[in-house]
Amino acid sequence: MKVMVGGTFDPLHDGHKRLITRSFELAGGKGTVTIGLTTDLFAARKSHPVRPFHERRASLEQFIRDCRFLASWSIEPLNDRFGSAIETEFDALVVSEETLPIAGEINRIRREKGRPKVDIHQITCVLADDGHWISSTRIYRGEIDVHGRLIG
């Protein structure tokens, strides 16, 4: 199965790891996972600082290598919300609760262009110790760490 997933992944937290892991699970041993990683220009719209693309890419690559997933994979620059998901032939898109609306938009645009829709697989967001979602913004604010543990 060909699977796509995308994000800024900074810092790479437990929610991101669930998203990426699910992508590899769906792809299976003979599948492929394409990870869209936001470019520095696109990531600049975030409300918190974001590490440079090459550093975020290195963190992703290290996590994937450490997990020893069986599917083949690639990381491509993501310059907008859709990346290559509109034109590429693939089977499934893995998203979080937060990014589910973008997946719906991708399928709508694909349909308008005469392309087949893709399956959307939504993961549940990982909760921090306080019961709220783990998010990069909360981590940068110093509320929680990358595992959702409360700081302070």
C-alpha atoms as a PDB file:
ATOM      1  CA  MET A   1       0.000   0.000   0.000  1.00  0.00           C
ATOM      2  CA  LYS A   2       1.183   3.530  -0.785  1.00  0.00           C
ATOM      3  CA  VAL A   3       0.629   5.854   2.174  1.00  0.00           C
ATOM      4  CA  MET A   4       1.161   9.589   2.605  1.00  0.00           C
ATOM      5  CA  VAL A   5       1.474  11.654   5.763  1.00  0.00           C
ATOM      6  CA  GLY A   6       2.619  15.216   6.333  1.00  0.00           C
ATOM      7  CA  GLY A   7       3.541  17.751   8.946  1.00  0.00           C
ATOM      8  CA  THR A   8       6.114  20.061  10.465  1.00  0.00           C
ATOM      9  CA  PHE A   9       7.200  17.518  13.088  1.00  0.00           C
ATOM     10  CA  ASP A  10       8.942  19.977  15.398  1.00  0.00           C
ATOM     11  CA  PRO A  11       9.609  18.973  17.999  1.00  0.00           C
ATOM     12  CA  LEU A  12       9.011  15.335  17.118  1.00  0.00           C
ATOM     13  CA  HIS A  13       6.633  14.338  19.938  1.00  0.00           C
ATOM     14  CA  ASP A  14       4.656  11.215  20.863  1.00  0.00           C
ATOM     15  CA  GLY A  15       1.654  12.336  18.785  1.00  0.00           C
ATOM     16  CA  HIS A  16       3.836  12.656  15.687  1.00  0.00           C
ATOM     17  CA  LYS A  17       5.369   9.271  16.407  1.00  0.00           C
ATOM     18  CA  ARG A  18       1.898   7.682  16.560  1.00  0.00           C
ATOM     19  CA  LEU A  19       1.016   9.299  13.209  1.00  0.00           C
ATOM     20  CA  ILE A  20       4.190   8.074  11.508  1.00  0.00           C
ATOM     21  CA  THR A  21       4.001   4.618  13.075  1.00  0.00           C
ATOM     22  CA  ARG A  22       0.406   4.200  11.895  1.00  0.00           C
ATOM     23  CA  SER A  23       1.490   5.192   8.382  1.00  0.00           C
ATOM     24  CA  PHE A  24       4.066   2.414   8.329  1.00  0.00           C
ATOM     25  CA  GLU A  25       1.621  -0.100   9.796  1.00  0.00           C
ATOM     26  CA  LEU A  26      -0.854   0.635   7.005  1.00  0.00           C
ATOM     27  CA  ALA A  27       1.813   0.471   4.313  1.00  0.00           C
ATOM     28  CA  GLY A  28       2.892  -2.985   5.415  1.00  0.00           C
ATOM     29  CA  GLY A  29       6.217  -4.594   4.688  1.00  0.00           C
ATOM     30  CA  LYS A  30       5.981  -4.212   0.932  1.00  0.00           C
ATOM     31  CA  GLY A  31       4.406  -0.758   0.877  1.00  0.00           C
ATOM     32  CA  THR A  32       5.781   2.753   0.744  1.00  0.00           C
ATOM     33  CA  VAL A  33       5.359   5.778   2.973  1.00  0.00           C
ATOM     34  CA  THR A  34       5.846   9.297   1.671  1.00  0.00           C
ATOM     35  CA  ILE A  35       6.316  11.884   4.391  1.00  0.00           C
ATOM     36  CA  GLY A  36       5.673  15.491   3.438  1.00  0.00           C
ATOM     37  CA  LEU A  37       7.815  17.713   5.655  1.00  0.00           C
ATOM     38  CA  THR A  38       6.967  21.412   5.668  1.00  0.00           C
ATOM     39  CA  THR A  39       9.608  23.646   4.158  1.00  0.00           C
ATOM     40  CA  ASP A  40      11.103  26.453   6.220  1.00  0.00           C
ATOM     41  CA  LEU A  41       9.019  29.005   4.299  1.00  0.00           C
ATOM     42  CA  PHE A  42       5.737  27.125   4.838  1.00  0.00           C
ATOM     43  CA  ALA A  43       6.572  26.354   8.498  1.00  0.00           C
ATOM     44  CA  ALA A  44       7.197  30.055   9.167  1.00  0.00           C
ATOM     45  CA  ARG A  45       3.413  30.513   9.495  1.00  0.00           C
ATOM     46  CA  LYS A  46       3.485  28.646  12.812  1.00  0.00           C
ATOM     47  CA  SER A  47       2.911  30.582  16.021  1.00  0.00           C
ATOM     48  CA  HIS A  48       6.091  29.167  17.572  1.00  0.00           C
ATOM     49  CA  PRO A  49       9.705  28.832  16.411  1.00  0.00           C
ATOM     50  CA  VAL A  50      10.477  25.907  14.103  1.00  0.00           C
ATOM     51  CA  ARG A  51      13.888  24.316  13.612  1.00  0.00           C
ATOM     52  CA  PRO A  52      15.346  24.372  10.083  1.00  0.00           C
ATOM     53  CA  PHE A  53      14.149  21.772   7.553  1.00  0.00           C
ATOM     54  CA  HIS A  54      17.408  19.805   7.577  1.00  0.00           C
ATOM     55  CA  GLU A  55      17.298  19.395  11.371  1.00  0.00           C
ATOM     56  CA  ARG A  56      13.652  18.281  11.354  1.00  0.00           C
ATOM     57  CA  ARG A  57      14.408  15.883   8.517  1.00  0.00           C
ATOM     58  CA  ALA A  58      17.333  14.395  10.459  1.00  0.00           C
ATOM     59  CA  SER A  59      15.079  13.834  13.505  1.00  0.00           C
ATOM     60  CA  LEU A  60      12.474  12.083  11.353  1.00  0.00           C
ATOM     61  CA  GLU A  61      15.074   9.918   9.652  1.00  0.00           C
ATOM     62  CA  GLN A  62      16.568   8.917  13.002  1.00  0.00           C
ATOM     63  CA  PHE A  63      13.141   7.957  14.402  1.00  0.00           C
ATOM     64  CA  ILE A  64      12.334   5.869  11.307  1.00  0.00           C
ATOM     65  CA  ARG A  65      15.709   4.110  11.393  1.00  0.00           C
ATOM     66  CA  ASP A  66      15.391   3.420  15.131  1.00  0.00           C
ATOM     67  CA  CYS A  67      11.945   1.848  14.617  1.00  0.00           C
ATOM     68  CA  ARG A  68      13.183  -0.390  11.786  1.00  0.00           C
ATOM     69  CA  PHE A  69       9.945  -0.155   9.846  1.00  0.00           C
ATOM     70  CA  LEU A  70       9.722  -2.593   6.945  1.00  0.00           C
ATOM     71  CA  ALA A  71       8.092  -0.353   4.317  1.00  0.00           C
ATOM     72  CA  SER A  72      10.231   1.780   2.045  1.00  0.00           C
ATOM     73  CA  TRP A  73       9.964   5.500   2.637  1.00  0.00           C
ATOM     74  CA  SER A  74      10.873   8.944   1.412  1.00  0.00           C
ATOM     75  CA  ILE A  75      10.651  12.483   2.737  1.00  0.00           C
ATOM     76  CA  GLU A  76       9.601  15.253   0.376  1.00  0.00           C
ATOM     77  CA  PRO A  77       9.368  19.022   0.915  1.00  0.00           C
ATOM     78  CA  LEU A  78       5.844  20.230   1.665  1.00  0.00           C
ATOM     79  CA  ASN A  79       5.338  23.763   0.342  1.00  0.00           C
ATOM     80  CA  ASP A  80       1.602  23.998   1.048  1.00  0.00           C
ATOM     81  CA  ARG A  81      -1.219  22.093   2.784  1.00  0.00           C
ATOM     82  CA  PHE A  82      -1.536  19.535  -0.009  1.00  0.00           C
ATOM     83  CA  GLY A  83       1.952  18.842  -1.336  1.00  0.00           C
ATOM     84  CA  SER A  84       1.937  16.121  -3.972  1.00  0.00           C
ATOM     85  CA  ALA A  85      -1.234  14.489  -2.555  1.00  0.00           C
ATOM     86  CA  ILE A  86      -3.414  16.035  -5.267  1.00  0.00           C
ATOM     87  CA  GLU A  87      -1.519  14.582  -8.234  1.00  0.00           C
ATOM     88  CA  THR A  88       0.253  11.498  -6.845  1.00  0.00           C
ATOM     89  CA  GLU A  89      -1.228   8.034  -7.139  1.00  0.00           C
ATOM     90  CA  PHE A  90      -1.435   6.574  -3.653  1.00  0.00           C
ATOM     91  CA  ASP A  91      -3.875   4.619  -1.500  1.00  0.00           C
ATOM     92  CA  ALA A  92      -4.164   6.203   1.920  1.00  0.00           C
ATOM     93  CA  LEU A  93      -3.587   9.423   3.798  1.00  0.00           C
ATOM     94  CA  VAL A  94      -2.928   9.318   7.552  1.00  0.00           C
ATOM     95  CA  VAL A  95      -4.030  12.365   9.530  1.00  0.00           C
ATOM     96  CA  SER A  96      -4.714  13.463  13.085  1.00  0.00           C
ATOM     97  CA  GLU A  97      -8.004  14.817  14.401  1.00  0.00           C
ATOM     98  CA  GLU A  98      -6.547  18.265  13.859  1.00  0.00           C
ATOM     99  CA  THR A  99      -5.687  17.743  10.173  1.00  0.00           C
ATOM    100  CA  LEU A 100      -8.749  15.708   9.147  1.00  0.00           C
ATOM    101  CA  PRO A 101     -10.364  18.675   7.318  1.00  0.00           C
ATOM    102  CA  ILE A 102      -7.318  18.986   5.037  1.00  0.00           C
ATOM    103  CA  ALA A 103      -7.688  15.318   4.044  1.00  0.00           C
ATOM    104  CA  GLY A 104     -11.303  15.975   3.064  1.00  0.00           C
ATOM    105  CA  GLU A 105     -10.159  18.916   0.962  1.00  0.00           C
ATOM    106  CA  ILE A 106      -7.540  16.757  -0.751  1.00  0.00           C
ATOM    107  CA  ASN A 107     -10.177  14.198  -1.751  1.00  0.00           C
ATOM    108  CA  ARG A 108     -12.543  16.943  -2.951  1.00  0.00           C
ATOM    109  CA  ILE A 109      -9.849  18.462  -5.183  1.00  0.00           C
ATOM    110  CA  ARG A 110      -8.794  15.011  -6.436  1.00  0.00           C
ATOM    111  CA  ARG A 111     -12.413  14.288  -7.375  1.00  0.00           C
ATOM    112  CA  GLU A 112     -12.691  17.625  -9.227  1.00  0.00           C
ATOM    113  CA  LYS A 113      -9.564  16.710 -11.194  1.00  0.00           C
ATOM    114  CA  GLY A 114     -10.931  13.259 -12.060  1.00  0.00           C
ATOM    115  CA  ARG A 115      -8.540  11.456  -9.742  1.00  0.00           C
ATOM    116  CA  PRO A 116      -9.638   8.606  -7.479  1.00  0.00           C
ATOM    117  CA  LYS A 117     -10.250   9.435  -3.842  1.00  0.00           C
ATOM    118  CA  VAL A 118      -7.845   8.031  -1.278  1.00  0.00           C
ATOM    119  CA  ASP A 119      -8.688   6.342   2.001  1.00  0.00           C
ATOM    120  CA  ILE A 120      -8.350   8.584   5.015  1.00  0.00           C
ATOM    121  CA  HIS A 121      -7.067   7.052   8.234  1.00  0.00           C
ATOM    122  CA  GLN A 122      -7.424   9.266  11.278  1.00  0.00           C
ATOM    123  CA  ILE A 123      -5.441   8.584  14.402  1.00  0.00           C
ATOM    124  CA  THR A 124      -6.530   9.862  17.775  1.00  0.00           C
ATOM    125  CA  CYS A 125      -4.309  12.547  19.175  1.00  0.00           C
ATOM    126  CA  VAL A 126      -2.086  11.546  22.053  1.00  0.00           C
ATOM    127  CA  LEU A 127      -3.116  13.105  25.342  1.00  0.00           C
ATOM    128  CA  ALA A 128      -0.753  14.740  27.780  1.00  0.00           C
ATOM    129  CA  ASP A 129      -0.934  14.008  31.502  1.00  0.00           C
ATOM    130  CA  ASP A 130      -3.489  16.819  31.891  1.00  0.00           C
ATOM    131  CA  GLY A 131      -5.873  15.210  29.374  1.00  0.00           C
ATOM    132  CA  HIS A 132      -5.254  17.771  26.608  1.00  0.00           C
ATOM    133  CA  TRP A 133      -3.588  17.011  23.273  1.00  0.00           C
ATOM    134  CA  ILE A 134       0.167  16.923  23.024  1.00  0.00           C
ATOM    135  CA  SER A 135       1.081  19.691  20.606  1.00  0.00           C
ATOM    136  CA  SER A 136       4.237  21.438  19.485  1.00  0.00           C
ATOM    137  CA  THR A 137       2.778  24.765  20.610  1.00  0.00           C
ATOM    138  CA  ARG A 138       2.263  23.473  24.156  1.00  0.00           C
ATOM    139  CA  ILE A 139       5.797  22.065  24.177  1.00  0.00           C
ATOM    140  CA  TYR A 140       7.287  25.384  23.024  1.00  0.00           C
ATOM    141  CA  ARG A 141       5.256  27.230  25.659  1.00  0.00           C
ATOM    142  CA  GLY A 142       6.925  25.008  28.273  1.00  0.00           C
ATOM    143  CA  GLU A 143       3.654  23.426  29.462  1.00  0.00           C
ATOM    144  CA  ILE A 144       4.610  19.818  28.620  1.00  0.00           C
ATOM    145  CA  ASP A 145       7.506  17.772  27.285  1.00  0.00           C
ATOM    146  CA  VAL A 146       7.517  15.682  24.085  1.00  0.00           C
ATOM    147  CA  HIS A 147       5.891  12.798  25.978  1.00  0.00           C
ATOM    148  CA  GLY A 148       3.078  14.928  27.402  1.00  0.00           C
ATOM    149  CA  ARG A 149       4.447  15.125  30.914  1.00  0.00           C
ATOM    150  CA  LEU A 150       3.624  18.376  32.711  1.00  0.00           C
ATOM    151  CA  ILE A 151       6.531  20.739  33.292  1.00  0.00           C
ATOM    152  CA  GLY A 152       6.800  22.842  36.398  1.00  0.00           C
END
